[in-house]
Amino acid sequence: MKKICFVTTVSITLRTFVLKTAQYLHEKGGYDISFICSPDEEFQKSLPDYIHFIPVPMKRGISLGGIKAMRTMTKIFKREKFDLVQYSTPNASLYASMAAKKAKIPVRLYCQWGIVYTSFHGLKRKIFKCIERAVCKRATWIEPDSHGNLEFSHAEGLYSENKSSVVWNGSANGVDLKKYDFSHKQQWREIIWQQYNIPSDAFVFGALCRITWVKGINELLAATRQIMENAPNVYLLLVGDEENVHLLNQELLSWAKNHPRVIFHGFTNVPEQYLAAMDCHVLPSYREGFGSVIIDAEAMGVPVIVTDIPGPTNAMLRDKTGLVVPMADAVALQKAMERMLADPDMCRTMGQAGNKFVSENFEETQLFAHILADRQRLLGEREAL
């Protein structure tokens, strides 16, 4: 039985983007599965018996603890003799890439789910680009989760074309169309609108993401404030944990927190219901690996607005399932939002096109089958596709 180990910094990445893939690989491919991330007893207890959980303390951000994490993983890799180690997220990838090479793991797969340095400038950008290049150099194969980031990485010289690929149409885990069931949209929409006393003639812009500057929240708040001055029926629904809010524009944040039509919900276990409540989903992000929330929104028949960056632009069809605006441009974002607001027929058409686009290109079990074939190829169990 071939042994595969998945490494991320924290458990939420494994839970959100890896768990169902790992289960599919075990059930359909017969692989022995292990998870490595920071200790999380609750997550460990929730895992099926066939997944081996190995806790290794890691923190987000640079710290001296990374040296200990790398040494610990080296010992684990040598002991367990994994056939393939897959790593993603910045810190885990740095530590695991060094440890896996030192332990002589035959297949070292870097799942490049986002390139952190793209939103940095100056010396900080140079340093993190060097780190990214070091991680890529130690991998035997690299798989970004969008064609845009693959092309960007080739242009940046991070790795060569003969060492990299995107599985199928991209994304880390596709869309579960049973969970994001379009037939329940109206029912879920009514539940959320009643919960927040949203009137029937309202138009709800929304963002399901971490509430932080890198997701473009400053631009979203600035654009929304301008629109709300002349549109009393507009609401903004923000769904996600707040992170590094001190880096947000405090004046805009204060306005939003005190405005009766700006709703901060926080994290949810039922994202499909909150997406169903939106008339348009907006993600003016500075960087993404893919932007899975875009295909989730489209699955619910919701038109989208995204920034012109690799990842999100691969998760939609320009001017067919949504609109694309320049990054860090609140004025352009406002115009795109006003265009959605003024044209309900366009929104409806884009929503229908988005649902069809996702159903045909990102259904999760089809993606899992492509991932299985890819892992079989990397492990020498079948010919290269």
Protein backbone atom coordinates (compact mmCIF):
# COMPACT_ATOMS: atom_id res chain seq x y z
CA MET A 1 0.00 0.00 0.00
CA LYS A 2 1.45 3.35 -1.08
CA LYS A 3 1.74 5.95 1.69
CA ILE A 4 0.72 9.59 1.17
CA CYS A 5 1.21 12.33 3.74
CA PHE A 6 -0.55 15.72 3.55
CA VAL A 7 1.07 18.67 5.37
CA THR A 8 -0.47 22.08 6.12
CA THR A 9 0.19 24.63 8.84
CA VAL A 10 -3.22 24.46 10.51
CA SER A 11 -6.08 21.98 10.52
CA ILE A 12 -8.69 24.18 8.83
CA THR A 13 -6.81 23.84 5.52
CA LEU A 14 -6.90 20.06 5.80
CA ARG A 15 -10.56 20.10 6.76
CA THR A 16 -11.58 22.48 3.98
CA PHE A 17 -9.36 21.56 1.05
CA VAL A 18 -7.83 18.12 1.68
CA LEU A 19 -10.05 15.80 3.72
CA LYS A 20 -12.52 14.76 1.03
CA THR A 21 -9.74 14.32 -1.52
CA ALA A 22 -7.81 12.15 0.94
CA GLN A 23 -10.88 10.02 1.60
CA TYR A 24 -11.39 9.52 -2.13
CA LEU A 25 -7.72 8.54 -2.62
CA HIS A 26 -8.01 5.99 0.18
CA GLU A 27 -11.30 4.51 -0.97
CA LYS A 28 -10.62 4.47 -4.72
CA GLY A 29 -6.84 4.17 -4.79
CA GLY A 30 -6.17 2.15 -1.66
CA TYR A 31 -3.62 4.63 -0.32
CA ASP A 32 -2.48 4.83 3.29
CA ILE A 33 -3.18 8.40 4.43
CA SER A 34 -1.48 10.60 7.03
CA PHE A 35 -2.10 14.22 8.03
CA ILE A 36 0.46 16.56 9.59
CA CYS A 37 -0.48 19.98 10.98
CA SER A 38 -0.43 21.90 14.23
CA PRO A 39 -2.06 20.06 17.16
CA ASP A 40 -5.86 20.07 17.07
CA GLU A 41 -7.44 17.43 19.29
CA GLU A 42 -10.99 18.09 18.13
CA PHE A 43 -10.02 17.73 14.46
CA GLN A 44 -8.01 14.60 15.23
CA LYS A 45 -11.00 12.96 16.92
CA SER A 46 -13.24 13.82 13.95
CA LEU A 47 -11.06 11.96 11.43
CA PRO A 48 -11.86 8.45 10.19
CA ASP A 49 -9.75 5.68 11.71
CA TYR A 50 -7.75 5.10 8.53
CA ILE A 51 -6.26 8.62 8.57
CA HIS A 52 -3.19 8.85 10.78
CA PHE A 53 -2.90 12.25 12.47
CA ILE A 54 0.59 13.41 13.41
CA PRO A 55 0.66 16.77 15.24
CA VAL A 56 3.64 19.05 14.64
CA PRO A 57 3.49 22.53 16.23
CA MET A 58 3.65 25.24 13.56
CA LYS A 59 2.64 28.89 13.57
CA ARG A 60 1.62 31.23 10.79
CA GLY A 61 4.34 33.79 10.17
CA ILE A 62 8.09 33.43 10.46
CA SER A 63 9.33 32.07 13.79
CA LEU A 64 12.26 30.13 15.26
CA GLY A 65 9.80 27.33 15.93
CA GLY A 66 10.02 26.53 12.25
CA ILE A 67 13.47 25.00 12.74
CA LYS A 68 12.07 22.57 15.31
CA ALA A 69 9.11 21.78 13.04
CA MET A 70 11.44 21.00 10.14
CA ARG A 71 13.60 18.71 12.30
CA THR A 72 10.54 16.94 13.70
CA MET A 73 9.15 16.34 10.22
CA THR A 74 12.50 15.03 8.99
CA LYS A 75 12.41 12.36 11.71
CA ILE A 76 8.79 11.51 10.91
CA PHE A 77 9.46 11.23 7.17
CA LYS A 78 12.48 8.98 7.71
CA ARG A 79 10.52 6.78 10.09
CA GLU A 80 7.34 6.50 8.05
CA LYS A 81 9.00 6.25 4.62
CA PHE A 82 6.14 7.94 2.77
CA ASP A 83 5.98 7.43 -0.98
CA LEU A 84 4.57 10.92 -1.53
CA VAL A 85 4.47 14.00 0.67
CA GLN A 86 2.09 16.77 -0.39
CA TYR A 87 2.43 20.18 1.20
CA SER A 88 0.65 23.51 0.91
CA THR A 89 0.30 26.82 2.83
CA PRO A 90 3.46 28.96 3.19
CA ASN A 91 5.05 27.83 6.47
CA ALA A 92 4.19 24.15 6.19
CA SER A 93 5.51 24.08 2.63
CA LEU A 94 8.84 25.61 3.65
CA TYR A 95 9.39 23.18 6.52
CA ALA A 96 8.04 20.10 4.75
CA SER A 97 9.96 20.76 1.53
CA MET A 98 13.27 20.86 3.41
CA ALA A 99 12.40 17.87 5.59
CA ALA A 100 11.10 15.74 2.72
CA LYS A 101 14.20 16.31 0.63
CA LYS A 102 16.49 15.56 3.56
CA ALA A 103 14.53 12.38 4.26
CA LYS A 104 14.79 11.45 0.55
CA ILE A 105 11.04 11.17 -0.01
CA PRO A 106 10.74 10.09 -3.68
CA VAL A 107 7.74 12.28 -4.61
CA ARG A 108 7.64 15.75 -3.07
CA LEU A 109 4.48 17.47 -4.30
CA TYR A 110 4.08 21.19 -3.71
CA CYS A 111 0.43 22.20 -4.07
CA GLN A 112 0.89 25.90 -4.71
CA TRP A 113 -2.42 27.20 -3.40
CA GLY A 114 -1.54 30.88 -3.51
CA ILE A 115 1.69 32.84 -3.83
CA VAL A 116 2.05 35.04 -0.78
CA TYR A 117 4.65 37.50 -2.09
CA THR A 118 2.45 38.84 -4.90
CA SER A 119 0.83 41.39 -2.57
CA PHE A 120 4.16 42.53 -1.04
CA HIS A 121 6.51 45.27 -2.16
CA GLY A 122 10.21 46.12 -1.95
CA LEU A 123 12.55 44.04 0.22
CA LYS A 124 9.71 42.01 1.73
CA ARG A 125 8.62 40.91 -1.74
CA LYS A 126 12.19 39.90 -2.65
CA ILE A 127 12.62 37.86 0.54
CA PHE A 128 9.36 35.97 0.16
CA LYS A 129 9.98 35.38 -3.52
CA CYS A 130 13.30 33.74 -2.57
CA ILE A 131 11.45 31.55 -0.06
CA GLU A 132 8.89 30.59 -2.72
CA ARG A 133 11.66 29.71 -5.16
CA ALA A 134 13.40 27.58 -2.49
CA VAL A 135 10.19 25.63 -1.84
CA CYS A 136 9.70 25.07 -5.57
CA LYS A 137 13.31 23.95 -6.04
CA ARG A 138 12.97 21.18 -3.45
CA ALA A 139 9.76 19.79 -4.95
CA THR A 140 9.82 17.02 -7.52
CA TRP A 141 6.50 18.27 -8.92
CA ILE A 142 4.44 21.45 -8.48
CA GLU A 143 0.70 21.88 -8.89
CA PRO A 144 -0.82 25.37 -8.56
CA ASP A 145 -4.59 25.30 -8.34
CA SER A 146 -5.18 27.73 -11.19
CA HIS A 147 -3.85 28.12 -14.72
CA GLY A 148 -3.29 31.81 -14.02
CA ASN A 149 -0.86 31.10 -11.19
CA LEU A 150 0.87 28.46 -13.31
CA GLU A 151 1.50 31.04 -16.04
CA PHE A 152 2.54 33.66 -13.47
CA SER A 153 5.03 31.27 -11.87
CA HIS A 154 6.59 30.38 -15.21
CA ALA A 155 6.93 34.08 -16.05
CA GLU A 156 8.50 34.73 -12.63
CA GLY A 157 10.99 31.91 -13.11
CA LEU A 158 9.81 30.01 -10.03
CA TYR A 159 9.88 26.67 -11.84
CA SER A 160 9.97 25.20 -15.32
CA GLU A 161 7.12 23.97 -17.49
CA ASN A 162 8.39 20.37 -17.36
CA LYS A 163 8.02 20.28 -13.56
CA SER A 164 4.48 21.55 -13.15
CA SER A 165 0.83 21.21 -14.11
CA VAL A 166 -2.72 22.09 -13.10
CA VAL A 167 -5.06 19.19 -12.40
CA TRP A 168 -8.12 19.36 -14.69
CA ASN A 169 -9.60 22.88 -14.61
CA GLY A 170 -8.01 23.91 -11.33
CA SER A 171 -9.23 24.50 -7.74
CA ALA A 172 -8.10 22.55 -4.70
CA ASN A 173 -11.30 20.64 -4.08
CA GLY A 174 -14.01 21.56 -6.58
CA VAL A 175 -17.65 22.08 -5.57
CA ASP A 176 -19.93 19.67 -3.77
CA LEU A 177 -23.12 20.23 -5.78
CA LYS A 178 -25.14 18.30 -3.19
CA LYS A 179 -24.12 20.83 -0.54
CA TYR A 180 -24.34 23.83 -2.87
CA ASP A 181 -27.71 22.69 -4.12
CA PHE A 182 -29.19 25.35 -6.40
CA SER A 183 -32.70 23.97 -5.91
CA HIS A 184 -32.61 25.19 -2.27
CA LYS A 185 -31.52 28.72 -3.16
CA GLN A 186 -34.86 30.47 -2.64
CA GLN A 187 -35.53 28.66 0.63
CA TRP A 188 -32.11 29.54 2.07
CA ARG A 189 -32.35 33.09 0.79
CA GLU A 190 -35.62 33.63 2.64
CA ILE A 191 -34.15 32.22 5.87
CA ILE A 192 -31.18 34.62 5.87
CA TRP A 193 -33.23 37.63 4.77
CA GLN A 194 -35.72 37.01 7.59
CA GLN A 195 -32.87 36.56 10.06
CA TYR A 196 -31.56 40.04 9.29
CA ASN A 197 -34.88 41.73 8.46
CA ILE A 198 -33.80 42.49 4.91
CA PRO A 199 -36.74 44.00 2.98
CA SER A 200 -38.07 42.27 -0.12
CA ASP A 201 -36.95 45.06 -2.49
CA ALA A 202 -33.32 44.99 -1.28
CA PHE A 203 -30.21 44.22 -3.32
CA VAL A 204 -27.58 42.35 -1.31
CA PHE A 205 -23.91 42.54 -2.17
CA GLY A 206 -21.86 40.02 -0.23
CA ALA A 207 -18.41 38.70 0.46
CA LEU A 208 -17.70 35.32 2.01
CA CYS A 209 -14.05 35.50 3.03
CA ARG A 210 -11.70 36.52 5.81
CA ILE A 211 -12.39 40.14 6.71
CA THR A 212 -8.91 41.49 6.08
CA TRP A 213 -7.11 43.96 3.83
CA VAL A 214 -5.67 41.35 1.46
CA LYS A 215 -9.22 40.34 0.47
CA GLY A 216 -9.85 43.90 -0.70
CA ILE A 217 -12.19 44.77 2.16
CA ASN A 218 -11.03 48.41 2.18
CA GLU A 219 -12.03 48.80 -1.45
CA LEU A 220 -15.31 46.96 -0.90
CA LEU A 221 -16.29 49.19 2.03
CA ALA A 222 -15.28 52.35 0.18
CA ALA A 223 -17.31 51.39 -2.91
CA THR A 224 -20.31 50.29 -0.86
CA ARG A 225 -20.36 53.52 1.15
CA GLN A 226 -20.54 55.57 -2.04
CA ILE A 227 -23.31 53.39 -3.47
CA MET A 228 -25.37 53.46 -0.27
CA GLU A 229 -25.49 57.25 -0.30
CA ASN A 230 -27.91 57.10 -3.23
CA ALA A 231 -29.32 53.57 -2.95
CA PRO A 232 -31.38 52.99 0.20
CA ASN A 233 -32.19 49.42 -0.85
CA VAL A 234 -28.56 48.20 -0.92
CA TYR A 235 -27.21 45.90 1.80
CA LEU A 236 -23.72 44.47 2.35
CA LEU A 237 -23.37 41.02 3.93
CA LEU A 238 -19.86 40.14 5.16
CA VAL A 239 -19.43 36.49 6.15
CA GLY A 240 -16.13 35.39 7.67
CA ASP A 241 -13.73 35.80 10.54
CA GLU A 242 -12.10 39.16 11.11
CA GLU A 243 -8.32 39.06 10.75
CA ASN A 244 -5.69 41.78 11.24
CA VAL A 245 -8.43 44.41 11.29
CA HIS A 246 -5.89 46.98 12.49
CA LEU A 247 -4.59 46.96 8.91
CA LEU A 248 -7.98 48.00 7.57
CA ASN A 249 -8.95 51.63 7.08
CA GLN A 250 -10.30 52.35 10.56
CA GLU A 251 -12.60 55.14 9.44
CA LEU A 252 -14.23 52.88 6.86
CA LEU A 253 -14.44 50.01 9.34
CA SER A 254 -16.10 52.25 11.93
CA TRP A 255 -18.62 53.42 9.33
CA ALA A 256 -19.42 49.82 8.39
CA LYS A 257 -19.74 48.61 11.98
CA ASN A 258 -22.26 51.35 12.72
CA HIS A 259 -24.28 51.22 9.51
CA PRO A 260 -27.63 49.40 9.81
CA ARG A 261 -27.36 47.95 6.30
CA VAL A 262 -23.86 46.49 6.68
CA ILE A 263 -24.06 43.03 8.25
CA PHE A 264 -21.05 41.31 9.82
CA HIS A 265 -21.93 37.67 10.37
CA GLY A 266 -18.63 35.95 11.17
CA PHE A 267 -17.69 32.35 10.36
CA THR A 268 -20.40 29.96 9.24
CA ASN A 269 -20.69 26.22 8.74
CA VAL A 270 -23.42 26.75 6.14
CA PRO A 271 -21.76 29.02 3.54
CA GLU A 272 -24.17 27.84 0.87
CA GLN A 273 -27.09 29.48 2.70
CA TYR A 274 -25.34 32.84 2.98
CA LEU A 275 -24.22 32.75 -0.64
CA ALA A 276 -27.83 32.04 -1.62
CA ALA A 277 -28.82 35.22 0.21
CA MET A 278 -26.58 37.37 -2.00
CA ASP A 279 -27.57 39.05 -5.26
CA CYS A 280 -23.89 39.50 -6.17
CA HIS A 281 -20.74 38.13 -4.58
CA VAL A 282 -17.74 40.47 -4.52
CA LEU A 283 -14.12 39.35 -3.98
CA PRO A 284 -11.76 42.29 -4.68
CA SER A 285 -8.78 40.27 -3.45
CA TYR A 286 -5.10 41.12 -3.84
CA ARG A 287 -4.01 37.50 -4.17
CA GLU A 288 -5.59 34.05 -4.38
CA GLY A 289 -4.51 30.58 -5.31
CA PHE A 290 -7.83 29.98 -6.98
CA GLY A 291 -10.62 31.62 -5.02
CA SER A 292 -12.87 28.65 -4.30
CA VAL A 293 -15.63 30.89 -2.99
CA ILE A 294 -16.10 32.15 -6.55
CA ILE A 295 -17.18 28.74 -7.86
CA ASP A 296 -19.21 28.19 -4.68
CA ALA A 297 -21.13 31.41 -5.37
CA GLU A 298 -21.61 30.54 -9.03
CA ALA A 299 -22.92 27.11 -8.04
CA MET A 300 -25.64 28.94 -6.13
CA GLY A 301 -26.48 30.99 -9.24
CA VAL A 302 -24.90 34.19 -7.91
CA PRO A 303 -23.03 36.54 -10.30
CA VAL A 304 -19.56 37.57 -9.16
CA ILE A 305 -17.17 40.50 -9.25
CA VAL A 306 -13.46 39.69 -8.96
CA THR A 307 -10.16 41.49 -9.34
CA ASP A 308 -7.98 40.91 -12.37
CA ILE A 309 -5.54 38.50 -10.72
CA PRO A 310 -4.61 34.85 -11.34
CA GLY A 311 -7.00 32.46 -9.69
CA PRO A 312 -10.37 34.18 -9.46
CA THR A 313 -10.32 35.04 -13.16
CA ASN A 314 -9.88 31.30 -13.83
CA ALA A 315 -12.92 30.53 -11.67
CA MET A 316 -15.37 32.54 -13.79
CA LEU A 317 -16.09 33.68 -17.33
CA ARG A 318 -15.51 37.39 -17.94
CA ASP A 319 -18.72 39.27 -18.71
CA LYS A 320 -20.63 35.98 -18.78
CA THR A 321 -20.71 34.80 -15.15
CA GLY A 322 -19.42 38.03 -13.65
CA LEU A 323 -17.31 41.16 -13.98
CA VAL A 324 -13.57 41.75 -13.60
CA VAL A 325 -12.08 44.95 -12.15
CA PRO A 326 -8.50 46.17 -11.56
CA MET A 327 -6.96 45.32 -8.20
CA ALA A 328 -6.97 48.01 -5.47
CA ASP A 329 -9.33 50.25 -7.46
CA ALA A 330 -12.34 51.25 -5.38
CA VAL A 331 -13.75 53.48 -8.12
CA ALA A 332 -13.74 50.69 -10.72
CA LEU A 333 -15.24 48.34 -8.16
CA GLN A 334 -18.01 50.83 -7.41
CA LYS A 335 -18.85 51.13 -11.12
CA ALA A 336 -19.03 47.34 -11.49
CA MET A 337 -21.28 47.05 -8.44
CA GLU A 338 -23.52 49.84 -9.76
CA ARG A 339 -23.74 48.03 -13.09
CA MET A 340 -24.98 44.90 -11.30
CA LEU A 341 -27.41 46.93 -9.24
CA ALA A 342 -28.87 48.65 -12.30
CA ASP A 343 -29.36 45.52 -14.39
CA PRO A 344 -31.22 42.68 -12.63
CA ASP A 345 -31.70 40.83 -15.93
CA MET A 346 -27.91 40.74 -16.45
CA CYS A 347 -27.46 39.47 -12.89
CA ARG A 348 -30.00 36.73 -13.46
CA THR A 349 -28.40 35.66 -16.75
CA MET A 350 -24.92 35.68 -15.26
CA GLY A 351 -26.13 33.63 -12.30
CA GLN A 352 -27.62 30.98 -14.57
CA ALA A 353 -24.46 30.88 -16.69
CA GLY A 354 -22.34 30.56 -13.55
CA ASN A 355 -24.30 27.58 -12.29
CA LYS A 356 -23.89 25.83 -15.65
CA PHE A 357 -20.18 26.71 -15.86
CA VAL A 358 -19.43 25.25 -12.42
CA SER A 359 -21.54 22.13 -12.93
CA GLU A 360 -19.62 21.31 -16.11
CA ASN A 361 -16.11 22.23 -14.98
CA PHE A 362 -15.67 21.98 -11.20
CA GLU A 363 -17.87 19.20 -9.80
CA GLU A 364 -15.82 17.70 -6.97
CA THR A 365 -16.00 13.96 -7.73
CA GLN A 366 -14.83 14.59 -11.28
CA LEU A 367 -11.91 16.60 -9.90
CA PHE A 368 -11.11 13.84 -7.38
CA ALA A 369 -10.94 11.31 -10.22
CA HIS A 370 -8.43 13.52 -12.05
CA ILE A 371 -6.41 13.92 -8.83
CA LEU A 372 -6.32 10.15 -8.34
CA ALA A 373 -5.06 9.65 -11.89
CA ASP A 374 -2.45 12.34 -11.30
CA ARG A 375 -1.21 10.74 -8.05
CA GLN A 376 -1.02 7.37 -9.78
CA ARG A 377 1.11 8.99 -12.47
CA LEU A 378 3.42 10.65 -9.94
CA LEU A 379 3.83 7.35 -8.08
CA GLY A 380 4.63 5.51 -11.29
CA GLU A 381 1.43 3.48 -11.22
CA ARG A 382 0.30 4.58 -14.68
CA GLU A 383 1.68 6.27 -17.75
CA ALA A 384 1.89 10.06 -17.85
CA LEU A 385 -1.37 11.59 -19.03
